[in-house]
Amino acid sequence: MKEYILQKERIFHFLSLALIAGSMFIPEPMQKLIVLVLGILGLLILSALKKQKILVIIYLVLFFAAGIFYYLMTNGKLNF
């Protein structure tokens, strides 16, 4: 599976970036968070498979920042 993902790296990278960009146009906060986190998670997995430690750290920070952004966007109401 790892070899397949690394073979198709550009496709997975593009799809992850498309999810992140698409999350900007979704008005509902919960849907926006799900799409954004999926995009960041895709980039995080690609970076981890390629053993890029700095990018893994950056994507982890963005992953947690998305959660904080959701918390602030919903005025502190965590409704799942």
N, C-alpha and C. Protein backbone atom coordinates (compact mmCIF):
# COMPACT_ATOMS: atom_id res chain seq x y z
N MET A 1 0.83 -1.19 0.00
CA MET A 1 0.00 0.00 0.00
C MET A 1 0.87 1.25 0.00
N LYS A 2 1.95 1.21 0.78
CA LYS A 2 2.84 2.36 0.85
C LYS A 2 3.44 2.67 -0.52
N GLU A 3 3.84 1.62 -1.24
CA GLU A 3 4.43 1.82 -2.56
C GLU A 3 3.43 2.42 -3.53
N TYR A 4 2.18 1.96 -3.44
CA TYR A 4 1.13 2.47 -4.33
C TYR A 4 0.88 3.95 -4.07
N ILE A 5 0.80 4.32 -2.81
CA ILE A 5 0.56 5.73 -2.47
C ILE A 5 1.72 6.59 -2.93
N LEU A 6 2.94 6.10 -2.75
CA LEU A 6 4.10 6.87 -3.18
C LEU A 6 4.19 6.94 -4.70
N GLN A 7 3.71 5.92 -5.41
CA GLN A 7 3.66 5.96 -6.87
C GLN A 7 2.69 7.04 -7.34
N LYS A 8 1.57 7.13 -6.69
CA LYS A 8 0.51 8.07 -7.08
C LYS A 8 0.55 9.32 -6.20
N GLU A 9 1.72 9.70 -5.76
CA GLU A 9 1.87 10.80 -4.82
C GLU A 9 1.26 12.10 -5.33
N ARG A 10 1.49 12.42 -6.58
CA ARG A 10 0.98 13.68 -7.12
C ARG A 10 -0.54 13.74 -7.10
N ILE A 11 -1.17 12.61 -7.37
CA ILE A 11 -2.64 12.57 -7.36
C ILE A 11 -3.16 12.79 -5.95
N PHE A 12 -2.59 12.08 -4.97
CA PHE A 12 -3.02 12.24 -3.59
C PHE A 12 -2.73 13.65 -3.07
N HIS A 13 -1.61 14.21 -3.48
CA HIS A 13 -1.25 15.57 -3.08
C HIS A 13 -2.25 16.56 -3.65
N PHE A 14 -2.59 16.41 -4.92
CA PHE A 14 -3.57 17.30 -5.55
C PHE A 14 -4.94 17.18 -4.90
N LEU A 15 -5.37 15.94 -4.62
CA LEU A 15 -6.68 15.75 -3.99
C LEU A 15 -6.72 16.35 -2.59
N SER A 16 -5.64 16.23 -1.85
CA SER A 16 -5.58 16.82 -0.51
C SER A 16 -5.64 18.34 -0.58
N LEU A 17 -4.92 18.92 -1.53
CA LEU A 17 -4.96 20.37 -1.69
C LEU A 17 -6.33 20.83 -2.17
N ALA A 18 -6.98 20.03 -3.01
CA ALA A 18 -8.33 20.36 -3.48
C ALA A 18 -9.32 20.34 -2.31
N LEU A 19 -9.17 19.40 -1.40
CA LEU A 19 -10.04 19.37 -0.22
C LEU A 19 -9.84 20.61 0.65
N ILE A 20 -8.60 21.00 0.83
CA ILE A 20 -8.31 22.18 1.64
C ILE A 20 -8.89 23.43 0.98
N ALA A 21 -8.70 23.56 -0.33
CA ALA A 21 -9.24 24.72 -1.04
C ALA A 21 -10.76 24.69 -1.04
N GLY A 22 -11.34 23.53 -1.21
CA GLY A 22 -12.79 23.41 -1.25
C GLY A 22 -13.44 23.72 0.09
N SER A 23 -12.71 23.52 1.17
CA SER A 23 -13.28 23.80 2.49
C SER A 23 -13.54 25.29 2.69
N MET A 24 -12.90 26.12 1.90
CA MET A 24 -13.11 27.57 2.03
C MET A 24 -14.51 27.98 1.59
N PHE A 25 -15.14 27.18 0.73
CA PHE A 25 -16.42 27.57 0.15
C PHE A 25 -17.61 26.90 0.83
N ILE A 26 -17.37 26.17 1.91
CA ILE A 26 -18.45 25.50 2.63
C ILE A 26 -18.87 26.40 3.80
N PRO A 27 -20.15 26.76 3.87
CA PRO A 27 -20.57 27.70 4.91
C PRO A 27 -20.75 27.08 6.30
N GLU A 28 -21.12 25.82 6.39
CA GLU A 28 -21.37 25.21 7.70
C GLU A 28 -20.05 24.81 8.37
N PRO A 29 -19.84 25.24 9.64
CA PRO A 29 -18.56 25.01 10.31
C PRO A 29 -18.15 23.54 10.45
N MET A 30 -19.10 22.66 10.77
CA MET A 30 -18.73 21.26 10.98
C MET A 30 -18.29 20.60 9.67
N GLN A 31 -19.00 20.87 8.59
CA GLN A 31 -18.61 20.32 7.30
C GLN A 31 -17.28 20.90 6.85
N LYS A 32 -17.10 22.19 7.11
CA LYS A 32 -15.83 22.85 6.76
C LYS A 32 -14.67 22.19 7.49
N LEU A 33 -14.87 21.91 8.77
CA LEU A 33 -13.80 21.28 9.57
C LEU A 33 -13.48 19.88 9.06
N ILE A 34 -14.50 19.11 8.74
CA ILE A 34 -14.28 17.74 8.27
C ILE A 34 -13.49 17.73 6.97
N VAL A 35 -13.87 18.57 6.02
CA VAL A 35 -13.17 18.61 4.73
C VAL A 35 -11.75 19.13 4.91
N LEU A 36 -11.58 20.15 5.73
CA LEU A 36 -10.25 20.70 5.97
C LEU A 36 -9.33 19.69 6.64
N VAL A 37 -9.84 19.00 7.65
CA VAL A 37 -9.04 18.02 8.38
C VAL A 37 -8.68 16.84 7.47
N LEU A 38 -9.60 16.42 6.61
CA LEU A 38 -9.28 15.34 5.67
C LEU A 38 -8.15 15.75 4.71
N GLY A 39 -8.19 16.99 4.25
CA GLY A 39 -7.12 17.47 3.38
C GLY A 39 -5.78 17.53 4.09
N ILE A 40 -5.78 18.05 5.30
CA ILE A 40 -4.53 18.11 6.08
C ILE A 40 -4.04 16.71 6.41
N LEU A 41 -4.97 15.82 6.73
CA LEU A 41 -4.59 14.44 7.04
C LEU A 41 -3.95 13.75 5.84
N GLY A 42 -4.47 14.02 4.65
CA GLY A 42 -3.86 13.45 3.44
C GLY A 42 -2.43 13.93 3.25
N LEU A 43 -2.21 15.23 3.43
CA LEU A 43 -0.85 15.76 3.32
C LEU A 43 0.06 15.21 4.41
N LEU A 44 -0.50 15.04 5.60
CA LEU A 44 0.27 14.50 6.72
C LEU A 44 0.70 13.07 6.44
N ILE A 45 -0.18 12.26 5.90
CA ILE A 45 0.15 10.87 5.58
C ILE A 45 1.22 10.81 4.49
N LEU A 46 1.07 11.63 3.45
CA LEU A 46 2.09 11.65 2.40
C LEU A 46 3.46 12.04 2.95
N SER A 47 3.48 13.05 3.80
CA SER A 47 4.76 13.49 4.37
C SER A 47 5.36 12.42 5.28
N ALA A 48 4.52 11.73 6.01
CA ALA A 48 5.02 10.68 6.90
C ALA A 48 5.59 9.52 6.09
N LEU A 49 4.93 9.17 4.99
CA LEU A 49 5.44 8.07 4.15
C LEU A 49 6.75 8.43 3.47
N LYS A 50 6.92 9.72 3.16
CA LYS A 50 8.16 10.16 2.53
C LYS A 50 9.24 10.50 3.56
N LYS A 51 8.89 10.34 4.85
CA LYS A 51 9.81 10.58 5.97
C LYS A 51 10.35 12.01 5.97
N GLN A 52 9.44 12.98 5.79
CA GLN A 52 9.79 14.39 5.85
C GLN A 52 9.35 14.92 7.22
N LYS A 53 10.26 14.90 8.16
CA LYS A 53 9.93 15.20 9.55
C LYS A 53 9.42 16.61 9.76
N ILE A 54 10.02 17.58 9.09
CA ILE A 54 9.61 18.97 9.28
C ILE A 54 8.19 19.19 8.78
N LEU A 55 7.86 18.62 7.61
CA LEU A 55 6.50 18.76 7.10
C LEU A 55 5.48 18.05 7.97
N VAL A 56 5.86 16.93 8.56
CA VAL A 56 4.95 16.22 9.47
C VAL A 56 4.63 17.12 10.66
N ILE A 57 5.62 17.78 11.19
CA ILE A 57 5.40 18.68 12.33
C ILE A 57 4.50 19.85 11.91
N ILE A 58 4.77 20.42 10.74
CA ILE A 58 3.95 21.54 10.26
C ILE A 58 2.50 21.12 10.07
N TYR A 59 2.28 19.95 9.48
CA TYR A 59 0.91 19.50 9.24
C TYR A 59 0.21 19.12 10.54
N LEU A 60 0.94 18.63 11.52
CA LEU A 60 0.34 18.38 12.83
C LEU A 60 -0.11 19.67 13.49
N VAL A 61 0.70 20.71 13.37
CA VAL A 61 0.33 22.02 13.92
C VAL A 61 -0.92 22.54 13.20
N LEU A 62 -0.97 22.41 11.88
CA LEU A 62 -2.15 22.84 11.13
C LEU A 62 -3.37 22.02 11.50
N PHE A 63 -3.17 20.74 11.77
CA PHE A 63 -4.26 19.85 12.17
C PHE A 63 -4.91 20.35 13.46
N PHE A 64 -4.08 20.69 14.46
CA PHE A 64 -4.61 21.20 15.71
C PHE A 64 -5.14 22.62 15.57
N ALA A 65 -4.53 23.41 14.69
CA ALA A 65 -5.02 24.76 14.45
C ALA A 65 -6.42 24.74 13.83
N ALA A 66 -6.71 23.73 13.02
CA ALA A 66 -8.04 23.60 12.44
C ALA A 66 -9.08 23.37 13.54
N GLY A 67 -8.74 22.56 14.53
CA GLY A 67 -9.65 22.33 15.65
C GLY A 67 -9.88 23.59 16.46
N ILE A 68 -8.82 24.34 16.70
CA ILE A 68 -8.94 25.61 17.44
C ILE A 68 -9.76 26.61 16.63
N PHE A 69 -9.54 26.64 15.32
CA PHE A 69 -10.29 27.53 14.45
C PHE A 69 -11.78 27.19 14.49
N TYR A 70 -12.11 25.90 14.50
CA TYR A 70 -13.52 25.49 14.60
C TYR A 70 -14.11 25.94 15.92
N TYR A 71 -13.36 25.79 16.98
CA TYR A 71 -13.82 26.19 18.31
C TYR A 71 -14.11 27.70 18.33
N LEU A 72 -13.23 28.48 17.75
CA LEU A 72 -13.43 29.93 17.73
C LEU A 72 -14.55 30.32 16.78
N MET A 73 -14.70 29.60 15.68
CA MET A 73 -15.73 29.90 14.68
C MET A 73 -17.13 29.64 15.22
N THR A 74 -17.26 28.69 16.13
CA THR A 74 -18.57 28.36 16.69
C THR A 74 -18.78 29.05 18.03
N ASN A 75 -17.98 30.05 18.34
CA ASN A 75 -18.10 30.83 19.58
C ASN A 75 -17.98 29.97 20.83
N GLY A 76 -17.14 28.96 20.79
CA GLY A 76 -16.88 28.14 21.96
C GLY A 76 -17.90 27.04 22.19
N LYS A 77 -18.78 26.81 21.25
CA LYS A 77 -19.78 25.75 21.40
C LYS A 77 -19.33 24.53 20.60
N LEU A 78 -18.96 23.49 21.29
CA LEU A 78 -18.50 22.28 20.62
C LEU A 78 -19.68 21.33 20.41
N ASN A 79 -20.40 21.55 19.35
CA ASN A 79 -21.55 20.70 19.00
C ASN A 79 -21.13 19.71 17.93
N PHE A 80 -21.07 18.44 18.30
CA PHE A 80 -20.68 17.44 17.30
C PHE A 80 -21.88 16.76 16.79
